[in-house]
Amino acid sequence: MSRVCELTGKKAMVGNNVSHAMNKTKRKFNANLVKKRFYIPEEDKWITLKVSTSALKNINKRGISAVIKDARANGFLKK
């Protein structure tokens, strides 16, 4: 399964490892993802999502229902 946030669409970025001698080699910056269960009272069910930690901060601030509504509008979450 890919390392992509299901609510925000965040995914890995590509960059360089830079040594002290300024040698550059390619590397990958993965998104900080966690697997988390959420209860949705409107649908009266639990869902499991792979979300970034920044998305968790949004959920704590705005609520799971509002964040899921935006994710569906932006096409990140199906259904």
PDB file of N, CA and C in Angstrom:
ATOM      1  N   MET A   1       0.844  -1.176   0.000  1.00  0.00           N
ATOM      2  CA  MET A   1       0.000   0.000   0.000  1.00  0.00           C
ATOM      3  C   MET A   1       0.892   1.243   0.000  1.00  0.00           C
ATOM      4  N   SER A   2       0.488   2.252  -0.740  1.00  0.00           N
ATOM      5  CA  SER A   2       1.328   3.434  -0.879  1.00  0.00           C
ATOM      6  C   SER A   2       1.275   4.307   0.369  1.00  0.00           C
ATOM      7  N   ARG A   3       2.324   5.089   0.543  1.00  0.00           N
ATOM      8  CA  ARG A   3       2.415   5.994   1.691  1.00  0.00           C
ATOM      9  C   ARG A   3       1.830   7.345   1.319  1.00  0.00           C
ATOM     10  N   VAL A   4       0.487   7.398   1.269  1.00  0.00           N
ATOM     11  CA  VAL A   4      -0.229   8.621   0.920  1.00  0.00           C
ATOM     12  C   VAL A   4      -1.314   8.848   1.968  1.00  0.00           C
ATOM     13  N   CYS A   5      -1.424  10.089   2.436  1.00  0.00           N
ATOM     14  CA  CYS A   5      -2.473  10.446   3.390  1.00  0.00           C
ATOM     15  C   CYS A   5      -3.823  10.380   2.683  1.00  0.00           C
ATOM     16  N   GLU A   6      -4.787   9.706   3.296  1.00  0.00           N
ATOM     17  CA  GLU A   6      -6.095   9.526   2.674  1.00  0.00           C
ATOM     18  C   GLU A   6      -6.966  10.774   2.768  1.00  0.00           C
ATOM     19  N   LEU A   7      -6.619  11.721   3.629  1.00  0.00           N
ATOM     20  CA  LEU A   7      -7.429  12.926   3.774  1.00  0.00           C
ATOM     21  C   LEU A   7      -6.841  14.146   3.082  1.00  0.00           C
ATOM     22  N   THR A   8      -5.508  14.254   3.051  1.00  0.00           N
ATOM     23  CA  THR A   8      -4.886  15.445   2.471  1.00  0.00           C
ATOM     24  C   THR A   8      -4.149  15.161   1.164  1.00  0.00           C
ATOM     25  N   GLY A   9      -3.872  13.889   0.873  1.00  0.00           N
ATOM     26  CA  GLY A   9      -3.148  13.554  -0.347  1.00  0.00           C
ATOM     27  C   GLY A   9      -1.644  13.742  -0.247  1.00  0.00           C
ATOM     28  N   LYS A  10      -1.137  14.015   0.953  1.00  0.00           N
ATOM     29  CA  LYS A  10       0.307  14.177   1.120  1.00  0.00           C
ATOM     30  C   LYS A  10       1.000  12.866   0.802  1.00  0.00           C
ATOM     31  N   LYS A  11       2.166  12.955   0.107  1.00  0.00           N
ATOM     32  CA  LYS A  11       2.935  11.762  -0.223  1.00  0.00           C
ATOM     33  C   LYS A  11       4.417  12.088  -0.178  1.00  0.00           C
ATOM     34  N   ALA A  12       5.242  11.104  -0.524  1.00  0.00           N
ATOM     35  CA  ALA A  12       6.687  11.260  -0.426  1.00  0.00           C
ATOM     36  C   ALA A  12       7.197  12.313  -1.405  1.00  0.00           C
ATOM     37  N   MET A  13       8.240  13.046  -0.962  1.00  0.00           N
ATOM     38  CA  MET A  13       8.930  14.008  -1.818  1.00  0.00           C
ATOM     39  C   MET A  13      10.336  13.477  -2.079  1.00  0.00           C
ATOM     40  N   VAL A  14      10.960  13.959  -3.150  1.00  0.00           N
ATOM     41  CA  VAL A  14      12.311  13.538  -3.495  1.00  0.00           C
ATOM     42  C   VAL A  14      13.252  14.707  -3.265  1.00  0.00           C
ATOM     43  N   GLY A  15      14.425  14.386  -2.719  1.00  0.00           N
ATOM     44  CA  GLY A  15      15.422  15.417  -2.471  1.00  0.00           C
ATOM     45  C   GLY A  15      16.816  14.807  -2.507  1.00  0.00           C
ATOM     46  N   ASN A  16      17.753  15.486  -1.906  1.00  0.00           N
ATOM     47  CA  ASN A  16      19.145  15.038  -1.899  1.00  0.00           C
ATOM     48  C   ASN A  16      19.651  14.842  -0.492  1.00  0.00           C
ATOM     49  N   ASN A  17      20.482  13.784  -0.300  1.00  0.00           N
ATOM     50  CA  ASN A  17      21.355  13.695   0.858  1.00  0.00           C
ATOM     51  C   ASN A  17      22.586  14.498   0.503  1.00  0.00           C
ATOM     52  N   VAL A  18      23.008  15.389   1.352  1.00  0.00           N
ATOM     53  CA  VAL A  18      24.187  16.203   1.072  1.00  0.00           C
ATOM     54  C   VAL A  18      25.225  15.917   2.144  1.00  0.00           C
ATOM     55  N   SER A  19      26.373  15.401   1.720  1.00  0.00           N
ATOM     56  CA  SER A  19      27.441  15.073   2.656  1.00  0.00           C
ATOM     57  C   SER A  19      28.241  16.328   2.999  1.00  0.00           C
ATOM     58  N   HIS A  20      29.156  16.181   3.928  1.00  0.00           N
ATOM     59  CA  HIS A  20      30.008  17.306   4.319  1.00  0.00           C
ATOM     60  C   HIS A  20      30.850  17.794   3.139  1.00  0.00           C
ATOM     61  N   ALA A  21      31.190  16.865   2.253  1.00  0.00           N
ATOM     62  CA  ALA A  21      31.975  17.216   1.064  1.00  0.00           C
ATOM     63  C   ALA A  21      31.083  17.703  -0.084  1.00  0.00           C
ATOM     64  N   MET A  22      29.797  17.941   0.219  1.00  0.00           N
ATOM     65  CA  MET A  22      28.812  18.433  -0.755  1.00  0.00           C
ATOM     66  C   MET A  22      28.500  17.429  -1.872  1.00  0.00           C
ATOM     67  N   ASN A  23      28.735  16.135  -1.618  1.00  0.00           N
ATOM     68  CA  ASN A  23      28.293  15.104  -2.561  1.00  0.00           C
ATOM     69  C   ASN A  23      26.790  14.942  -2.387  1.00  0.00           C
ATOM     70  N   LYS A  24      26.077  14.804  -3.498  1.00  0.00           N
ATOM     71  CA  LYS A  24      24.621  14.711  -3.445  1.00  0.00           C
ATOM     72  C   LYS A  24      24.156  13.362  -3.980  1.00  0.00           C
ATOM     73  N   THR A  25      23.324  12.694  -3.197  1.00  0.00           N
ATOM     74  CA  THR A  25      22.698  11.451  -3.629  1.00  0.00           C
ATOM     75  C   THR A  25      21.206  11.581  -3.388  1.00  0.00           C
ATOM     76  N   LYS A  26      20.414  10.958  -4.243  1.00  0.00           N
ATOM     77  CA  LYS A  26      18.957  11.060  -4.139  1.00  0.00           C
ATOM     78  C   LYS A  26      18.455  10.353  -2.887  1.00  0.00           C
ATOM     79  N   ARG A  27      17.414  10.918  -2.298  1.00  0.00           N
ATOM     80  CA  ARG A  27      16.741  10.304  -1.165  1.00  0.00           C
ATOM     81  C   ARG A  27      15.262  10.638  -1.227  1.00  0.00           C
ATOM     82  N   LYS A  28      14.500  10.021  -0.349  1.00  0.00           N
ATOM     83  CA  LYS A  28      13.058  10.217  -0.320  1.00  0.00           C
ATOM     84  C   LYS A  28      12.640  10.722   1.055  1.00  0.00           C
ATOM     85  N   PHE A  29      11.820  11.751   1.079  1.00  0.00           N
ATOM     86  CA  PHE A  29      11.231  12.266   2.317  1.00  0.00           C
ATOM     87  C   PHE A  29       9.806  11.729   2.394  1.00  0.00           C
ATOM     88  N   ASN A  30       9.588  10.709   3.226  1.00  0.00           N
ATOM     89  CA  ASN A  30       8.249  10.123   3.355  1.00  0.00           C
ATOM     90  C   ASN A  30       7.357  10.999   4.219  1.00  0.00           C
ATOM     91  N   ALA A  31       6.065  10.934   3.956  1.00  0.00           N
ATOM     92  CA  ALA A  31       5.087  11.642   4.778  1.00  0.00           C
ATOM     93  C   ALA A  31       4.999  10.955   6.136  1.00  0.00           C
ATOM     94  N   ASN A  32       4.733  11.722   7.174  1.00  0.00           N
ATOM     95  CA  ASN A  32       4.616  11.190   8.528  1.00  0.00           C
ATOM     96  C   ASN A  32       3.194  10.664   8.705  1.00  0.00           C
ATOM     97  N   LEU A  33       2.993   9.357   8.453  1.00  0.00           N
ATOM     98  CA  LEU A  33       1.660   8.756   8.456  1.00  0.00           C
ATOM     99  C   LEU A  33       1.443   7.860   9.658  1.00  0.00           C
ATOM    100  N   VAL A  34       0.209   7.847  10.138  1.00  0.00           N
ATOM    101  CA  VAL A  34      -0.213   6.943  11.200  1.00  0.00           C
ATOM    102  C   VAL A  34      -1.543   6.314  10.801  1.00  0.00           C
ATOM    103  N   LYS A  35      -1.754   5.086  11.245  1.00  0.00           N
ATOM    104  CA  LYS A  35      -3.027   4.392  10.996  1.00  0.00           C
ATOM    105  C   LYS A  35      -3.907   4.634  12.211  1.00  0.00           C
ATOM    106  N   LYS A  36      -5.094   5.180  11.999  1.00  0.00           N
ATOM    107  CA  LYS A  36      -5.931   5.625  13.119  1.00  0.00           C
ATOM    108  C   LYS A  36      -7.392   5.298  12.853  1.00  0.00           C
ATOM    109  N   ARG A  37      -8.103   4.899  13.914  1.00  0.00           N
ATOM    110  CA  ARG A  37      -9.544   4.635  13.822  1.00  0.00           C
ATOM    111  C   ARG A  37     -10.308   5.863  14.295  1.00  0.00           C
ATOM    112  N   PHE A  38     -11.378   6.192  13.569  1.00  0.00           N
ATOM    113  CA  PHE A  38     -12.215   7.336  13.919  1.00  0.00           C
ATOM    114  C   PHE A  38     -13.665   6.882  13.974  1.00  0.00           C
ATOM    115  N   TYR A  39     -14.404   7.446  14.932  1.00  0.00           N
ATOM    116  CA  TYR A  39     -15.834   7.189  15.030  1.00  0.00           C
ATOM    117  C   TYR A  39     -16.574   8.342  14.378  1.00  0.00           C
ATOM    118  N   ILE A  40     -17.481   8.014  13.460  1.00  0.00           N
ATOM    119  CA  ILE A  40     -18.287   9.024  12.785  1.00  0.00           C
ATOM    120  C   ILE A  40     -19.711   8.906  13.308  1.00  0.00           C
ATOM    121  N   PRO A  41     -20.149   9.856  14.143  1.00  0.00           N
ATOM    122  CA  PRO A  41     -21.478   9.731  14.757  1.00  0.00           C
ATOM    123  C   PRO A  41     -22.626   9.843  13.753  1.00  0.00           C
ATOM    124  N   GLU A  42     -22.437  10.616  12.657  1.00  0.00           N
ATOM    125  CA  GLU A  42     -23.518  10.763  11.677  1.00  0.00           C
ATOM    126  C   GLU A  42     -23.836   9.438  10.995  1.00  0.00           C
ATOM    127  N   GLU A  43     -22.802   8.637  10.742  1.00  0.00           N
ATOM    128  CA  GLU A  43     -23.002   7.338  10.092  1.00  0.00           C
ATOM    129  C   GLU A  43     -23.035   6.203  11.107  1.00  0.00           C
ATOM    130  N   ASP A  44     -22.769   6.508  12.374  1.00  0.00           N
ATOM    131  CA  ASP A  44     -22.752   5.535  13.471  1.00  0.00           C
ATOM    132  C   ASP A  44     -21.844   4.352  13.152  1.00  0.00           C
ATOM    133  N   LYS A  45     -20.595   4.656  12.726  1.00  0.00           N
ATOM    134  CA  LYS A  45     -19.640   3.583  12.448  1.00  0.00           C
ATOM    135  C   LYS A  45     -18.211   4.068  12.650  1.00  0.00           C
ATOM    136  N   TRP A  46     -17.313   3.099  12.769  1.00  0.00           N
ATOM    137  CA  TRP A  46     -15.883   3.349  12.896  1.00  0.00           C
ATOM    138  C   TRP A  46     -15.244   3.177  11.529  1.00  0.00           C
ATOM    139  N   ILE A  47     -14.256   4.040  11.208  1.00  0.00           N
ATOM    140  CA  ILE A  47     -13.485   3.860   9.989  1.00  0.00           C
ATOM    141  C   ILE A  47     -12.002   3.948  10.346  1.00  0.00           C
ATOM    142  N   THR A  48     -11.182   3.215   9.604  1.00  0.00           N
ATOM    143  CA  THR A  48      -9.740   3.244   9.784  1.00  0.00           C
ATOM    144  C   THR A  48      -9.130   3.984   8.613  1.00  0.00           C
ATOM    145  N   LEU A  49      -8.321   4.996   8.909  1.00  0.00           N
ATOM    146  CA  LEU A  49      -7.690   5.807   7.877  1.00  0.00           C
ATOM    147  C   LEU A  49      -6.188   5.865   8.119  1.00  0.00           C
ATOM    148  N   LYS A  50      -5.433   5.965   7.031  1.00  0.00           N
ATOM    149  CA  LYS A  50      -4.002   6.239   7.110  1.00  0.00           C
ATOM    150  C   LYS A  50      -3.842   7.732   6.861  1.00  0.00           C
ATOM    151  N   VAL A  51      -3.544   8.490   7.928  1.00  0.00           N
ATOM    152  CA  VAL A  51      -3.527   9.950   7.832  1.00  0.00           C
ATOM    153  C   VAL A  51      -2.176  10.504   8.274  1.00  0.00           C
ATOM    154  N   SER A  52      -1.851  11.675   7.753  1.00  0.00           N
ATOM    155  CA  SER A  52      -0.637  12.364   8.187  1.00  0.00           C
ATOM    156  C   SER A  52      -0.902  13.005   9.544  1.00  0.00           C
ATOM    157  N   THR A  53       0.171  13.306  10.257  1.00  0.00           N
ATOM    158  CA  THR A  53       0.004  13.902  11.577  1.00  0.00           C
ATOM    159  C   THR A  53      -0.546  15.322  11.468  1.00  0.00           C
ATOM    160  N   SER A  54      -0.278  16.005  10.357  1.00  0.00           N
ATOM    161  CA  SER A  54      -0.878  17.333  10.168  1.00  0.00           C
ATOM    162  C   SER A  54      -2.387  17.212   9.960  1.00  0.00           C
ATOM    163  N   ALA A  55      -2.831  16.132   9.329  1.00  0.00           N
ATOM    164  CA  ALA A  55      -4.269  15.901   9.180  1.00  0.00           C
ATOM    165  C   ALA A  55      -4.910  15.613  10.538  1.00  0.00           C
ATOM    166  N   LEU A  56      -4.173  14.927  11.427  1.00  0.00           N
ATOM    167  CA  LEU A  56      -4.690  14.685  12.783  1.00  0.00           C
ATOM    168  C   LEU A  56      -4.912  15.999  13.526  1.00  0.00           C
ATOM    169  N   LYS A  57      -3.996  16.958  13.334  1.00  0.00           N
ATOM    170  CA  LYS A  57      -4.169  18.266  13.965  1.00  0.00           C
ATOM    171  C   LYS A  57      -5.413  18.959  13.413  1.00  0.00           C
ATOM    172  N   ASN A  58      -5.656  18.826  12.109  1.00  0.00           N
ATOM    173  CA  ASN A  58      -6.863  19.391  11.508  1.00  0.00           C
ATOM    174  C   ASN A  58      -8.114  18.736  12.075  1.00  0.00           C
ATOM    175  N   ILE A  59      -8.079  17.423  12.256  1.00  0.00           N
ATOM    176  CA  ILE A  59      -9.229  16.692  12.799  1.00  0.00           C
ATOM    177  C   ILE A  59      -9.517  17.151  14.225  1.00  0.00           C
ATOM    178  N   ASN A  60      -8.461  17.337  15.026  1.00  0.00           N
ATOM    179  CA  ASN A  60      -8.650  17.807  16.399  1.00  0.00           C
ATOM    180  C   ASN A  60      -9.233  19.210  16.435  1.00  0.00           C
ATOM    181  N   LYS A  61      -8.869  20.021  15.452  1.00  0.00           N
ATOM    182  CA  LYS A  61      -9.314  21.409  15.429  1.00  0.00           C
ATOM    183  C   LYS A  61     -10.725  21.553  14.863  1.00  0.00           C
ATOM    184  N   ARG A  62     -11.006  20.888  13.719  1.00  0.00           N
ATOM    185  CA  ARG A  62     -12.258  21.107  12.999  1.00  0.00           C
ATOM    186  C   ARG A  62     -13.281  20.001  13.184  1.00  0.00           C
ATOM    187  N   GLY A  63     -12.836  18.813  13.562  1.00  0.00           N
ATOM    188  CA  GLY A  63     -13.733  17.676  13.706  1.00  0.00           C
ATOM    189  C   GLY A  63     -13.631  16.750  12.511  1.00  0.00           C
ATOM    190  N   ILE A  64     -13.858  15.458  12.746  1.00  0.00           N
ATOM    191  CA  ILE A  64     -13.683  14.436  11.706  1.00  0.00           C
ATOM    192  C   ILE A  64     -14.693  14.614  10.576  1.00  0.00           C
ATOM    193  N   SER A  65     -15.907  15.008  10.892  1.00  0.00           N
ATOM    194  CA  SER A  65     -16.948  15.128   9.858  1.00  0.00           C
ATOM    195  C   SER A  65     -16.608  16.209   8.839  1.00  0.00           C
ATOM    196  N   ALA A  66     -16.129  17.359   9.304  1.00  0.00           N
ATOM    197  CA  ALA A  66     -15.786  18.456   8.403  1.00  0.00           C
ATOM    198  C   ALA A  66     -14.581  18.109   7.541  1.00  0.00           C
ATOM    199  N   VAL A  67     -13.606  17.436   8.119  1.00  0.00           N
ATOM    200  CA  VAL A  67     -12.393  17.074   7.374  1.00  0.00           C
ATOM    201  C   VAL A  67     -12.719  16.028   6.310  1.00  0.00           C
ATOM    202  N   ILE A  68     -13.558  15.058   6.650  1.00  0.00           N
ATOM    203  CA  ILE A  68     -13.950  14.030   5.673  1.00  0.00           C
ATOM    204  C   ILE A  68     -14.764  14.656   4.544  1.00  0.00           C
ATOM    205  N   LYS A  69     -15.624  15.601   4.868  1.00  0.00           N
ATOM    206  CA  LYS A  69     -16.420  16.290   3.846  1.00  0.00           C
ATOM    207  C   LYS A  69     -15.513  17.013   2.846  1.00  0.00           C
ATOM    208  N   ASP A  70     -14.484  17.706   3.348  1.00  0.00           N
ATOM    209  CA  ASP A  70     -13.531  18.398   2.471  1.00  0.00           C
ATOM    210  C   ASP A  70     -12.721  17.412   1.641  1.00  0.00           C
ATOM    211  N   ALA A  71     -12.314  16.294   2.249  1.00  0.00           N
ATOM    212  CA  ALA A  71     -11.520  15.292   1.529  1.00  0.00           C
ATOM    213  C   ALA A  71     -12.333  14.681   0.384  1.00  0.00           C
ATOM    214  N   ARG A  72     -13.616  14.444   0.607  1.00  0.00           N
ATOM    215  CA  ARG A  72     -14.467  13.916  -0.459  1.00  0.00           C
ATOM    216  C   ARG A  72     -14.659  14.941  -1.562  1.00  0.00           C
ATOM    217  N   ALA A  73     -14.769  16.222  -1.192  1.00  0.00           N
ATOM    218  CA  ALA A  73     -14.932  17.287  -2.187  1.00  0.00           C
ATOM    219  C   ALA A  73     -13.677  17.441  -3.039  1.00  0.00           C
ATOM    220  N   ASN A  74     -12.504  17.222  -2.433  1.00  0.00           N
ATOM    221  CA  ASN A  74     -11.239  17.335  -3.169  1.00  0.00           C
ATOM    222  C   ASN A  74     -10.846  16.052  -3.884  1.00  0.00           C
ATOM    223  N   GLY A  75     -11.605  14.975  -3.691  1.00  0.00           N
ATOM    224  CA  GLY A  75     -11.354  13.732  -4.404  1.00  0.00           C
ATOM    225  C   GLY A  75     -10.333  12.816  -3.756  1.00  0.00           C
ATOM    226  N   PHE A  76      -9.953  13.078  -2.507  1.00  0.00           N
ATOM    227  CA  PHE A  76      -8.977  12.224  -1.845  1.00  0.00           C
ATOM    228  C   PHE A  76      -9.623  11.004  -1.226  1.00  0.00           C
ATOM    229  N   LEU A  77     -10.852  11.122  -0.798  1.00  0.00           N
ATOM    230  CA  LEU A  77     -11.544  10.030  -0.126  1.00  0.00           C
ATOM    231  C   LEU A  77     -12.719   9.589  -0.987  1.00  0.00           C
ATOM    232  N   LYS A  78     -12.834   8.298  -1.215  1.00  0.00           N
ATOM    233  CA  LYS A  78     -13.912   7.775  -2.051  1.00  0.00           C
ATOM    234  C   LYS A  78     -15.193   7.691  -1.244  1.00  0.00           C
ATOM    235  N   LYS A  79     -16.316   7.617  -1.954  1.00  0.00           N
ATOM    236  CA  LYS A  79     -17.640   7.372  -1.364  1.00  0.00           C
ATOM    237  C   LYS A  79     -18.363   8.574  -0.915  1.00  0.00           C
TER     238      LYS A  79
END
